[in-house]
Amino acid sequence: MIRLEALDRAEAVRYLGDARVQMNSAMEHLLDECEEQVLRVAEPKFLYKVKDLPCPGLMAGNDIAEHLAGCSKAVLLAATLGTGIDRMLRVEQVKDMSRAVVLDALASVAIEQVCRQFDEFLQGEFPDLFQTFRFSPGYGDYPIALQKYFLTELDAPKKIGLTTNDNFLLVPTKSVTAVTGLSETELPKRKRGCASCNLRGSCNYRQRGDHCGF
């Protein structure tokens, strides 16, 4: 059961700061309103499936091979906030673009919090195994076309209404597919970087060839 009771405002503000949004009392009030709106509209759901490795259908490119090195299992994840968030953002983009920017940032924070809850759930399901961070199609040389594989394996269109468009971008947009590796032995520490960041598609840091340092 996924529950969103509060959003990480600091994370939203970090992104809004790079979008040159000035923080003041009016912005704090707007954040309050937008957080309540996102929490009201979001319908968070997730699906997962455990696959034994090696799993040829999951592998493509060097980055995923490196990410799952030493793992005996891979866990496929699909998570979404639902279609209501997309409708809300489309309406606000016409009515008030400043508000839409804040809502978009908070919705991105919300889907990340859903994924983090899944990480905690996974630790509870496999307490004796070590897990990698989440790694998503479209990162590095891991083809974004593999979104289709994830959704098919999880029956996500039928179960949670998650599909892709012709460019393999997820619909609804505030959604994630990712794979987490599980190992019987402790894994070397690796930085997550942009691999599992839900802002990577619209990140101002990445667009100018930089990163946030996460």
Foldseek 3Di string as FASTA:
>chain_A
DDADDFFDVVQLVVQVVVVVDDDDPVVVVLLVVLRVVLNVQFDKDKFKDKDFPPDVLQDDDDPVCVQQPQFGIKMKMKMARDQRLVVVLVVCVVVPVVSSSSNVSRLLRVLVVRVVVVVVVVCVVCVQKDKTDWFAAPPDRRHLVCLVVSCVVRVCCVPPNWDADPRSQIPVNSMTITMMGIHNDDDDDDDCFCRGRSCVVPGPQVVVPHGPPD
